[in-house]
Amino acid sequence: MIWIIIGTLIVLVGLILVGIATYVGWQLTHPKRKIVDESPEQYGLLKQDITFTSLSDDVALEGWFFQSSSAGVGELAVTVIMSHGYAGTRLEKGLPALALAKSIVDEGYHVLMFDFRNSGNSQGNLTTVGYLEKQDILGAIRWVQEHAPSKICLFGFSMGGSTSLLAAAEESSVSGVITDSAFSQLSPYLRDNLPVWSKLPRFPFTPLILGILPRLIGVNPKQVDALAAVDRIYPRPILFIHSRDDSAIPWSNSEGMWSRHPDAFELWVTQKAGHVGSYQMQPEAYIQRVLAFLSKL
């Protein structure tokens, strides 16, 4: 009898743990939407509201296009497509992105900002940390090609940075990429850092979530591989920006990608800034780095 009771308790505990892991995994891929509650006019920017679809499906994405009055014409112009981080919006408030966009537009570059699927004002109900979001950036690239033909530089923050690398690896028209606080490979990153996001003990929840979630939402995190993507981007230039004190995504992620091709890639490691915090810590130096990179495209 005692063994039946013990066996029943073990099964119940196992079911509870699986239930918790499933619930938290579902929450991580269905984060609560944040609203787009700032206006470009507050930063002196004139916007064009745009809507385009993700490349692979009919998910409608919302964004803004800022046309620089001092930009070049045709192939002499450059459009910067900015991509936000996980569970954020085009505003990327930690920067804030609109202030950075203003500096870029003032120097003669067009800027496109948009909300990924399941974020801000865009459609969709699933966040996949790069797997499907790559198609969103490819949709933004298509919009630029059709409505504002120019050279294209992708500029992404955290998840948006990693996803920008995935998109650039597939789209040869991208002239260069800037990433801020990007991860290099989703699967090992989650294996090592999932407790940062799940708020659960590493054991037993990290292996449980990573075992359950891909089957639950039909996404293979191993395919979100920015480290492999940089090899396909090379010899096009990439600027990696990362704080040595980033506690969410270790700076070694950017260092590892940069080290694959240091002859064409640049790495700027800052100090004492949090995740995607280098611009806020050193805005003038940050803008100078970005503008110097753009000037060489």
C-alpha atoms as a PDB file:
ATOM      1  CA  MET A   1       0.000   0.000   0.000  1.00  0.00           C
ATOM      2  CA  ILE A   2       2.769   2.412   0.944  1.00  0.00           C
ATOM      3  CA  TRP A   3       4.411   1.960  -2.443  1.00  0.00           C
ATOM      4  CA  ILE A   4       1.158   2.806  -4.200  1.00  0.00           C
ATOM      5  CA  ILE A   5       0.910   6.017  -2.183  1.00  0.00           C
ATOM      6  CA  ILE A   6       4.540   6.927  -2.908  1.00  0.00           C
ATOM      7  CA  GLY A   7       4.090   6.141  -6.599  1.00  0.00           C
ATOM      8  CA  THR A   8       0.932   8.261  -6.746  1.00  0.00           C
ATOM      9  CA  LEU A   9       2.693  11.177  -5.049  1.00  0.00           C
ATOM     10  CA  ILE A  10       5.600  10.961  -7.503  1.00  0.00           C
ATOM     11  CA  VAL A  11       3.189  11.030 -10.444  1.00  0.00           C
ATOM     12  CA  LEU A  12       1.294  13.983  -8.959  1.00  0.00           C
ATOM     13  CA  VAL A  13       4.494  15.955  -8.348  1.00  0.00           C
ATOM     14  CA  GLY A  14       5.639  15.187 -11.877  1.00  0.00           C
ATOM     15  CA  LEU A  15       2.348  16.373 -13.334  1.00  0.00           C
ATOM     16  CA  ILE A  16       2.515  19.568 -11.262  1.00  0.00           C
ATOM     17  CA  LEU A  17       6.058  20.294 -12.468  1.00  0.00           C
ATOM     18  CA  VAL A  18       5.106  19.643 -16.097  1.00  0.00           C
ATOM     19  CA  GLY A  19       2.045  21.865 -15.674  1.00  0.00           C
ATOM     20  CA  ILE A  20       4.113  24.714 -14.266  1.00  0.00           C
ATOM     21  CA  ALA A  21       6.718  24.358 -17.031  1.00  0.00           C
ATOM     22  CA  THR A  22       4.021  24.305 -19.707  1.00  0.00           C
ATOM     23  CA  TYR A  23       2.264  27.369 -18.281  1.00  0.00           C
ATOM     24  CA  VAL A  24       5.446  29.418 -17.951  1.00  0.00           C
ATOM     25  CA  GLY A  25       6.653  28.366 -21.400  1.00  0.00           C
ATOM     26  CA  TRP A  26       3.311  29.413 -22.855  1.00  0.00           C
ATOM     27  CA  GLN A  27       3.535  32.758 -21.074  1.00  0.00           C
ATOM     28  CA  LEU A  28       7.034  33.361 -22.429  1.00  0.00           C
ATOM     29  CA  THR A  29       5.849  32.858 -26.007  1.00  0.00           C
ATOM     30  CA  HIS A  30       2.660  34.861 -25.435  1.00  0.00           C
ATOM     31  CA  PRO A  31       3.960  37.884 -23.479  1.00  0.00           C
ATOM     32  CA  LYS A  32       1.581  40.689 -22.584  1.00  0.00           C
ATOM     33  CA  ARG A  33       1.597  43.371 -25.251  1.00  0.00           C
ATOM     34  CA  LYS A  34       3.050  46.776 -24.497  1.00  0.00           C
ATOM     35  CA  ILE A  35       1.403  49.778 -26.093  1.00  0.00           C
ATOM     36  CA  VAL A  36       2.986  52.270 -28.466  1.00  0.00           C
ATOM     37  CA  ASP A  37       2.407  55.327 -26.315  1.00  0.00           C
ATOM     38  CA  GLU A  38       4.937  57.834 -27.632  1.00  0.00           C
ATOM     39  CA  SER A  39       4.760  59.922 -30.779  1.00  0.00           C
ATOM     40  CA  PRO A  40       7.650  60.703 -33.145  1.00  0.00           C
ATOM     41  CA  GLU A  41       6.499  64.324 -33.136  1.00  0.00           C
ATOM     42  CA  GLN A  42       7.667  64.521 -29.524  1.00  0.00           C
ATOM     43  CA  TYR A  43      11.192  64.052 -30.895  1.00  0.00           C
ATOM     44  CA  GLY A  44      10.798  66.361 -33.881  1.00  0.00           C
ATOM     45  CA  LEU A  45      10.295  63.540 -36.380  1.00  0.00           C
ATOM     46  CA  LEU A  46       7.790  63.560 -39.244  1.00  0.00           C
ATOM     47  CA  LYS A  47       6.396  60.067 -39.671  1.00  0.00           C
ATOM     48  CA  GLN A  48       4.749  58.090 -42.404  1.00  0.00           C
ATOM     49  CA  ASP A  49       2.489  55.384 -40.974  1.00  0.00           C
ATOM     50  CA  ILE A  50       3.103  52.125 -42.819  1.00  0.00           C
ATOM     51  CA  THR A  51       1.613  48.645 -42.847  1.00  0.00           C
ATOM     52  CA  PHE A  52       3.240  45.633 -44.468  1.00  0.00           C
ATOM     53  CA  THR A  53       3.002  41.878 -44.189  1.00  0.00           C
ATOM     54  CA  SER A  54       5.554  39.433 -42.881  1.00  0.00           C
ATOM     55  CA  LEU A  55       7.267  37.710 -45.787  1.00  0.00           C
ATOM     56  CA  SER A  56       6.038  34.187 -45.095  1.00  0.00           C
ATOM     57  CA  ASP A  57       2.393  34.790 -44.188  1.00  0.00           C
ATOM     58  CA  ASP A  58      -0.392  37.338 -43.910  1.00  0.00           C
ATOM     59  CA  VAL A  59       0.506  38.742 -40.484  1.00  0.00           C
ATOM     60  CA  ALA A  60       0.116  42.518 -40.812  1.00  0.00           C
ATOM     61  CA  LEU A  61       2.853  44.588 -39.181  1.00  0.00           C
ATOM     62  CA  GLU A  62       2.605  48.262 -38.217  1.00  0.00           C
ATOM     63  CA  GLY A  63       5.418  50.779 -38.281  1.00  0.00           C
ATOM     64  CA  TRP A  64       6.749  54.210 -39.166  1.00  0.00           C
ATOM     65  CA  PHE A  65       8.974  55.410 -41.977  1.00  0.00           C
ATOM     66  CA  PHE A  66      11.049  58.535 -41.480  1.00  0.00           C
ATOM     67  CA  GLN A  67      12.376  60.077 -44.669  1.00  0.00           C
ATOM     68  CA  SER A  68      15.468  62.222 -44.292  1.00  0.00           C
ATOM     69  CA  SER A  69      15.362  65.445 -46.304  1.00  0.00           C
ATOM     70  CA  SER A  70      19.136  65.356 -46.648  1.00  0.00           C
ATOM     71  CA  ALA A  71      19.481  61.733 -47.770  1.00  0.00           C
ATOM     72  CA  GLY A  72      21.050  60.717 -51.039  1.00  0.00           C
ATOM     73  CA  VAL A  73      18.986  59.560 -54.000  1.00  0.00           C
ATOM     74  CA  GLY A  74      18.487  55.971 -55.135  1.00  0.00           C
ATOM     75  CA  GLU A  75      21.519  53.782 -54.516  1.00  0.00           C
ATOM     76  CA  LEU A  76      23.230  56.649 -52.688  1.00  0.00           C
ATOM     77  CA  ALA A  77      20.548  56.628 -49.969  1.00  0.00           C
ATOM     78  CA  VAL A  78      20.577  54.304 -46.949  1.00  0.00           C
ATOM     79  CA  THR A  79      17.539  53.106 -45.013  1.00  0.00           C
ATOM     80  CA  VAL A  80      18.079  51.830 -41.477  1.00  0.00           C
ATOM     81  CA  ILE A  81      15.533  49.209 -40.385  1.00  0.00           C
ATOM     82  CA  MET A  82      15.363  49.144 -36.587  1.00  0.00           C
ATOM     83  CA  SER A  83      14.127  46.014 -34.770  1.00  0.00           C
ATOM     84  CA  HIS A  84      13.152  45.890 -31.109  1.00  0.00           C
ATOM     85  CA  GLY A  85      13.766  43.323 -28.410  1.00  0.00           C
ATOM     86  CA  TYR A  86      11.678  40.552 -26.868  1.00  0.00           C
ATOM     87  CA  ALA A  87       8.211  41.603 -25.615  1.00  0.00           C
ATOM     88  CA  GLY A  88       8.853  45.215 -26.573  1.00  0.00           C
ATOM     89  CA  THR A  89       7.673  47.610 -29.259  1.00  0.00           C
ATOM     90  CA  ARG A  90       9.239  49.790 -31.934  1.00  0.00           C
ATOM     91  CA  LEU A  91       9.823  52.391 -29.211  1.00  0.00           C
ATOM     92  CA  GLU A  92      12.521  50.262 -27.484  1.00  0.00           C
ATOM     93  CA  LYS A  93      12.055  52.552 -24.504  1.00  0.00           C
ATOM     94  CA  GLY A  94      15.256  51.535 -22.787  1.00  0.00           C
ATOM     95  CA  LEU A  95      17.162  53.509 -25.399  1.00  0.00           C
ATOM     96  CA  PRO A  96      14.799  55.327 -26.297  1.00  0.00           C
ATOM     97  CA  ALA A  97      14.750  54.346 -29.986  1.00  0.00           C
ATOM     98  CA  LEU A  98      13.019  57.513 -31.200  1.00  0.00           C
ATOM     99  CA  ALA A  99      15.861  59.677 -29.881  1.00  0.00           C
ATOM    100  CA  LEU A 100      18.384  57.466 -31.663  1.00  0.00           C
ATOM    101  CA  ALA A 101      16.285  57.511 -34.850  1.00  0.00           C
ATOM    102  CA  LYS A 102      16.212  61.325 -34.755  1.00  0.00           C
ATOM    103  CA  SER A 103      20.026  61.464 -34.681  1.00  0.00           C
ATOM    104  CA  ILE A 104      20.233  59.040 -37.614  1.00  0.00           C
ATOM    105  CA  VAL A 105      17.625  60.868 -39.721  1.00  0.00           C
ATOM    106  CA  ASP A 106      19.295  64.230 -39.053  1.00  0.00           C
ATOM    107  CA  GLU A 107      22.517  62.854 -40.539  1.00  0.00           C
ATOM    108  CA  GLY A 108      20.871  61.955 -43.848  1.00  0.00           C
ATOM    109  CA  TYR A 109      19.606  58.382 -43.403  1.00  0.00           C
ATOM    110  CA  HIS A 110      16.036  57.133 -43.714  1.00  0.00           C
ATOM    111  CA  VAL A 111      14.734  55.055 -40.799  1.00  0.00           C
ATOM    112  CA  LEU A 112      12.003  52.389 -40.640  1.00  0.00           C
ATOM    113  CA  MET A 113      10.735  51.275 -37.223  1.00  0.00           C
ATOM    114  CA  PHE A 114       8.079  48.594 -36.726  1.00  0.00           C
ATOM    115  CA  ASP A 115       6.496  46.243 -34.214  1.00  0.00           C
ATOM    116  CA  PHE A 116       7.274  42.539 -34.527  1.00  0.00           C
ATOM    117  CA  ARG A 117       4.371  40.075 -34.631  1.00  0.00           C
ATOM    118  CA  ASN A 118       2.488  39.820 -31.346  1.00  0.00           C
ATOM    119  CA  SER A 119       3.955  43.182 -30.300  1.00  0.00           C
ATOM    120  CA  GLY A 120       2.731  46.761 -30.180  1.00  0.00           C
ATOM    121  CA  ASN A 121       0.150  47.439 -32.888  1.00  0.00           C
ATOM    122  CA  SER A 122       1.044  44.494 -35.139  1.00  0.00           C
ATOM    123  CA  GLN A 123      -1.035  41.368 -35.646  1.00  0.00           C
ATOM    124  CA  GLY A 124      -0.085  37.869 -34.521  1.00  0.00           C
ATOM    125  CA  ASN A 125      -0.400  36.027 -31.221  1.00  0.00           C
ATOM    126  CA  LEU A 126       2.917  34.191 -30.878  1.00  0.00           C
ATOM    127  CA  THR A 127       6.441  35.375 -30.060  1.00  0.00           C
ATOM    128  CA  THR A 128       9.193  32.976 -31.182  1.00  0.00           C
ATOM    129  CA  VAL A 129      12.380  34.932 -30.314  1.00  0.00           C
ATOM    130  CA  GLY A 130      13.638  35.084 -33.884  1.00  0.00           C
ATOM    131  CA  TYR A 131      12.253  31.974 -35.556  1.00  0.00           C
ATOM    132  CA  LEU A 132       9.252  33.674 -37.186  1.00  0.00           C
ATOM    133  CA  GLU A 133      10.369  37.252 -36.531  1.00  0.00           C
ATOM    134  CA  LYS A 134      13.022  36.801 -39.229  1.00  0.00           C
ATOM    135  CA  GLN A 135      10.177  36.794 -41.735  1.00  0.00           C
ATOM    136  CA  ASP A 136       8.929  40.082 -40.263  1.00  0.00           C
ATOM    137  CA  ILE A 137      12.257  41.779 -40.984  1.00  0.00           C
ATOM    138  CA  LEU A 138      12.295  40.303 -44.480  1.00  0.00           C
ATOM    139  CA  GLY A 139       8.842  41.844 -44.943  1.00  0.00           C
ATOM    140  CA  ALA A 140      10.229  45.225 -43.865  1.00  0.00           C
ATOM    141  CA  ILE A 141      13.073  44.840 -46.358  1.00  0.00           C
ATOM    142  CA  ARG A 142      10.549  44.130 -49.112  1.00  0.00           C
ATOM    143  CA  TRP A 143       8.618  47.294 -48.165  1.00  0.00           C
ATOM    144  CA  VAL A 144      11.771  49.401 -48.521  1.00  0.00           C
ATOM    145  CA  GLN A 145      12.607  47.801 -51.851  1.00  0.00           C
ATOM    146  CA  GLU A 146       9.127  48.595 -53.176  1.00  0.00           C
ATOM    147  CA  HIS A 147       8.537  52.040 -51.658  1.00  0.00           C
ATOM    148  CA  ALA A 148      11.933  53.631 -50.934  1.00  0.00           C
ATOM    149  CA  PRO A 149      14.651  51.851 -52.967  1.00  0.00           C
ATOM    150  CA  SER A 150      17.992  52.361 -51.236  1.00  0.00           C
ATOM    151  CA  LYS A 151      20.811  50.549 -49.530  1.00  0.00           C
ATOM    152  CA  ILE A 152      19.617  48.777 -46.383  1.00  0.00           C
ATOM    153  CA  CYS A 153      21.234  48.496 -42.965  1.00  0.00           C
ATOM    154  CA  LEU A 154      19.554  46.385 -40.306  1.00  0.00           C
ATOM    155  CA  PHE A 155      19.851  47.692 -36.737  1.00  0.00           C
ATOM    156  CA  GLY A 156      18.512  45.415 -34.004  1.00  0.00           C
ATOM    157  CA  PHE A 157      18.410  45.342 -30.232  1.00  0.00           C
ATOM    158  CA  SER A 158      18.646  42.103 -28.215  1.00  0.00           C
ATOM    159  CA  MET A 159      16.258  39.657 -29.947  1.00  0.00           C
ATOM    160  CA  GLY A 160      15.968  42.170 -32.790  1.00  0.00           C
ATOM    161  CA  GLY A 161      19.728  42.103 -33.252  1.00  0.00           C
ATOM    162  CA  SER A 162      19.920  38.332 -33.499  1.00  0.00           C
ATOM    163  CA  THR A 163      16.930  38.301 -35.826  1.00  0.00           C
ATOM    164  CA  SER A 164      18.521  40.977 -38.025  1.00  0.00           C
ATOM    165  CA  LEU A 165      21.505  38.690 -38.505  1.00  0.00           C
ATOM    166  CA  LEU A 166      19.227  35.807 -39.506  1.00  0.00           C
ATOM    167  CA  ALA A 167      17.458  38.028 -42.050  1.00  0.00           C
ATOM    168  CA  ALA A 168      20.667  39.493 -43.495  1.00  0.00           C
ATOM    169  CA  ALA A 169      22.034  35.988 -44.030  1.00  0.00           C
ATOM    170  CA  GLU A 170      19.080  35.290 -46.336  1.00  0.00           C
ATOM    171  CA  GLU A 171      18.811  38.692 -48.037  1.00  0.00           C
ATOM    172  CA  SER A 172      21.861  39.714 -50.057  1.00  0.00           C
ATOM    173  CA  SER A 173      20.532  43.249 -50.594  1.00  0.00           C
ATOM    174  CA  VAL A 174      21.334  44.087 -46.954  1.00  0.00           C
ATOM    175  CA  SER A 175      24.531  46.143 -46.994  1.00  0.00           C
ATOM    176  CA  GLY A 176      25.359  45.869 -43.302  1.00  0.00           C
ATOM    177  CA  VAL A 177      24.056  45.054 -39.825  1.00  0.00           C
ATOM    178  CA  ILE A 178      24.323  46.707 -36.408  1.00  0.00           C
ATOM    179  CA  THR A 179      23.403  44.678 -33.330  1.00  0.00           C
ATOM    180  CA  ASP A 180      23.136  45.795 -29.710  1.00  0.00           C
ATOM    181  CA  SER A 181      23.161  43.080 -27.025  1.00  0.00           C
ATOM    182  CA  ALA A 182      22.339  40.193 -29.369  1.00  0.00           C
ATOM    183  CA  PHE A 183      22.494  36.496 -28.493  1.00  0.00           C
ATOM    184  CA  SER A 184      24.403  34.175 -30.811  1.00  0.00           C
ATOM    185  CA  GLN A 185      22.411  30.910 -30.617  1.00  0.00           C
ATOM    186  CA  LEU A 186      18.976  30.615 -29.063  1.00  0.00           C
ATOM    187  CA  SER A 187      19.123  26.979 -27.938  1.00  0.00           C
ATOM    188  CA  PRO A 188      22.325  27.162 -25.844  1.00  0.00           C
ATOM    189  CA  TYR A 189      21.406  30.661 -24.682  1.00  0.00           C
ATOM    190  CA  LEU A 190      18.110  29.423 -23.252  1.00  0.00           C
ATOM    191  CA  ARG A 191      19.786  26.379 -21.746  1.00  0.00           C
ATOM    192  CA  ASP A 192      22.185  28.646 -19.845  1.00  0.00           C
ATOM    193  CA  ASN A 193      20.004  31.700 -19.166  1.00  0.00           C
ATOM    194  CA  LEU A 194      16.326  30.701 -19.174  1.00  0.00           C
ATOM    195  CA  PRO A 195      15.946  31.332 -15.394  1.00  0.00           C
ATOM    196  CA  VAL A 196      16.523  35.052 -16.139  1.00  0.00           C
ATOM    197  CA  TRP A 197      13.242  35.051 -18.072  1.00  0.00           C
ATOM    198  CA  SER A 198      11.242  32.240 -16.458  1.00  0.00           C
ATOM    199  CA  LYS A 199      11.982  33.279 -12.846  1.00  0.00           C
ATOM    200  CA  LEU A 200      12.081  29.567 -12.031  1.00  0.00           C
ATOM    201  CA  PRO A 201      14.907  27.381 -10.655  1.00  0.00           C
ATOM    202  CA  ARG A 202      17.150  25.953 -13.352  1.00  0.00           C
ATOM    203  CA  PHE A 203      16.375  22.393 -12.241  1.00  0.00           C
ATOM    204  CA  PRO A 204      13.993  20.893 -13.083  1.00  0.00           C
ATOM    205  CA  PHE A 205      12.284  23.687 -15.017  1.00  0.00           C
ATOM    206  CA  THR A 206      14.809  24.638 -17.696  1.00  0.00           C
ATOM    207  CA  PRO A 207      15.023  21.134 -19.229  1.00  0.00           C
ATOM    208  CA  LEU A 208      11.270  20.693 -18.847  1.00  0.00           C
ATOM    209  CA  ILE A 209      10.422  23.971 -20.611  1.00  0.00           C
ATOM    210  CA  LEU A 210      12.949  23.362 -23.382  1.00  0.00           C
ATOM    211  CA  GLY A 211      11.578  19.866 -23.877  1.00  0.00           C
ATOM    212  CA  ILE A 212       7.917  20.845 -23.913  1.00  0.00           C
ATOM    213  CA  LEU A 213       7.834  24.246 -25.629  1.00  0.00           C
ATOM    214  CA  PRO A 214       9.141  23.385 -29.120  1.00  0.00           C
ATOM    215  CA  ARG A 215       6.518  20.662 -29.446  1.00  0.00           C
ATOM    216  CA  LEU A 216       3.824  22.923 -28.029  1.00  0.00           C
ATOM    217  CA  ILE A 217       4.295  25.810 -30.486  1.00  0.00           C
ATOM    218  CA  GLY A 218       6.014  24.050 -33.397  1.00  0.00           C
ATOM    219  CA  VAL A 219       9.259  26.019 -33.244  1.00  0.00           C
ATOM    220  CA  ASN A 220      12.791  24.607 -33.263  1.00  0.00           C
ATOM    221  CA  PRO A 221      15.080  26.988 -31.309  1.00  0.00           C
ATOM    222  CA  LYS A 222      18.162  25.345 -32.848  1.00  0.00           C
ATOM    223  CA  GLN A 223      17.270  27.061 -36.121  1.00  0.00           C
ATOM    224  CA  VAL A 224      17.671  30.483 -34.480  1.00  0.00           C
ATOM    225  CA  ASP A 225      21.422  30.434 -35.043  1.00  0.00           C
ATOM    226  CA  ALA A 226      22.955  33.882 -35.523  1.00  0.00           C
ATOM    227  CA  LEU A 227      26.457  32.455 -35.109  1.00  0.00           C
ATOM    228  CA  ALA A 228      26.027  30.457 -38.311  1.00  0.00           C
ATOM    229  CA  ALA A 229      24.299  33.416 -39.969  1.00  0.00           C
ATOM    230  CA  VAL A 230      27.315  35.714 -39.660  1.00  0.00           C
ATOM    231  CA  ASP A 231      29.315  33.341 -41.847  1.00  0.00           C
ATOM    232  CA  ARG A 232      26.739  33.829 -44.602  1.00  0.00           C
ATOM    233  CA  ILE A 233      26.734  37.603 -44.125  1.00  0.00           C
ATOM    234  CA  TYR A 234      30.520  37.868 -44.440  1.00  0.00           C
ATOM    235  CA  PRO A 235      32.230  39.812 -46.052  1.00  0.00           C
ATOM    236  CA  ARG A 236      29.465  42.376 -45.502  1.00  0.00           C
ATOM    237  CA  PRO A 237      30.191  44.469 -42.388  1.00  0.00           C
ATOM    238  CA  ILE A 238      28.622  44.007 -38.964  1.00  0.00           C
ATOM    239  CA  LEU A 239      28.977  46.252 -35.908  1.00  0.00           C
ATOM    240  CA  PHE A 240      28.425  44.422 -32.615  1.00  0.00           C
ATOM    241  CA  ILE A 241      27.678  46.571 -29.549  1.00  0.00           C
ATOM    242  CA  HIS A 242      27.508  44.968 -26.109  1.00  0.00           C
ATOM    243  CA  SER A 243      28.059  45.907 -22.484  1.00  0.00           C
ATOM    244  CA  ARG A 244      30.497  43.780 -20.524  1.00  0.00           C
ATOM    245  CA  ASP A 245      28.061  44.101 -17.601  1.00  0.00           C
ATOM    246  CA  ASP A 246      24.967  42.862 -19.444  1.00  0.00           C
ATOM    247  CA  SER A 247      23.315  40.396 -17.042  1.00  0.00           C
ATOM    248  CA  ALA A 248      20.586  39.270 -19.457  1.00  0.00           C
ATOM    249  CA  ILE A 249      22.687  38.287 -22.493  1.00  0.00           C
ATOM    250  CA  PRO A 250      26.421  37.881 -21.754  1.00  0.00           C
ATOM    251  CA  TRP A 251      28.694  39.997 -23.934  1.00  0.00           C
ATOM    252  CA  SER A 252      30.573  36.850 -24.937  1.00  0.00           C
ATOM    253  CA  ASN A 253      27.698  36.210 -27.365  1.00  0.00           C
ATOM    254  CA  SER A 254      28.706  39.223 -29.452  1.00  0.00           C
ATOM    255  CA  GLU A 255      32.404  38.526 -29.010  1.00  0.00           C
ATOM    256  CA  GLY A 256      31.938  35.006 -30.346  1.00  0.00           C
ATOM    257  CA  MET A 257      30.192  36.254 -33.482  1.00  0.00           C
ATOM    258  CA  TRP A 258      32.683  39.062 -34.062  1.00  0.00           C
ATOM    259  CA  SER A 259      35.633  36.689 -33.740  1.00  0.00           C
ATOM    260  CA  ARG A 260      34.459  34.637 -36.734  1.00  0.00           C
ATOM    261  CA  HIS A 261      35.512  37.407 -39.127  1.00  0.00           C
ATOM    262  CA  PRO A 262      37.283  40.280 -37.329  1.00  0.00           C
ATOM    263  CA  ASP A 263      38.647  41.556 -40.646  1.00  0.00           C
ATOM    264  CA  ALA A 264      35.128  42.661 -41.672  1.00  0.00           C
ATOM    265  CA  PHE A 265      33.294  42.882 -38.340  1.00  0.00           C
ATOM    266  CA  GLU A 266      33.574  45.496 -35.577  1.00  0.00           C
ATOM    267  CA  LEU A 267      33.063  45.000 -31.836  1.00  0.00           C
ATOM    268  CA  TRP A 268      32.449  47.806 -29.359  1.00  0.00           C
ATOM    269  CA  VAL A 269      32.333  46.594 -25.748  1.00  0.00           C
ATOM    270  CA  THR A 270      31.105  49.132 -23.214  1.00  0.00           C
ATOM    271  CA  GLN A 271      31.281  49.102 -19.426  1.00  0.00           C
ATOM    272  CA  LYS A 272      28.716  49.369 -16.603  1.00  0.00           C
ATOM    273  CA  ALA A 273      25.660  49.456 -18.876  1.00  0.00           C
ATOM    274  CA  GLY A 274      22.744  47.079 -18.470  1.00  0.00           C
ATOM    275  CA  HIS A 275      21.055  45.106 -21.217  1.00  0.00           C
ATOM    276  CA  VAL A 276      20.694  47.363 -24.287  1.00  0.00           C
ATOM    277  CA  GLY A 277      21.919  50.168 -22.033  1.00  0.00           C
ATOM    278  CA  SER A 278      25.013  51.420 -23.845  1.00  0.00           C
ATOM    279  CA  TYR A 279      23.208  54.236 -25.696  1.00  0.00           C
ATOM    280  CA  GLN A 280      21.709  55.584 -22.511  1.00  0.00           C
ATOM    281  CA  MET A 281      25.097  55.391 -20.791  1.00  0.00           C
ATOM    282  CA  GLN A 282      27.145  56.960 -23.617  1.00  0.00           C
ATOM    283  CA  PRO A 283      24.751  58.565 -26.155  1.00  0.00           C
ATOM    284  CA  GLU A 284      27.321  60.700 -27.983  1.00  0.00           C
ATOM    285  CA  ALA A 285      29.902  57.926 -28.346  1.00  0.00           C
ATOM    286  CA  TYR A 286      27.140  55.502 -29.362  1.00  0.00           C
ATOM    287  CA  ILE A 287      25.830  57.769 -32.111  1.00  0.00           C
ATOM    288  CA  GLN A 288      29.353  58.423 -33.388  1.00  0.00           C
ATOM    289  CA  ARG A 289      30.000  54.678 -33.683  1.00  0.00           C
ATOM    290  CA  VAL A 290      26.727  54.109 -35.500  1.00  0.00           C
ATOM    291  CA  LEU A 291      27.168  57.023 -37.901  1.00  0.00           C
ATOM    292  CA  ALA A 292      30.768  56.052 -38.671  1.00  0.00           C
ATOM    293  CA  PHE A 293      29.573  52.550 -39.572  1.00  0.00           C
ATOM    294  CA  LEU A 294      26.750  53.853 -41.762  1.00  0.00           C
ATOM    295  CA  SER A 295      29.071  56.221 -43.594  1.00  0.00           C
ATOM    296  CA  LYS A 296      31.079  53.239 -44.909  1.00  0.00           C
ATOM    297  CA  LEU A 297      28.142  51.384 -46.472  1.00  0.00           C
END
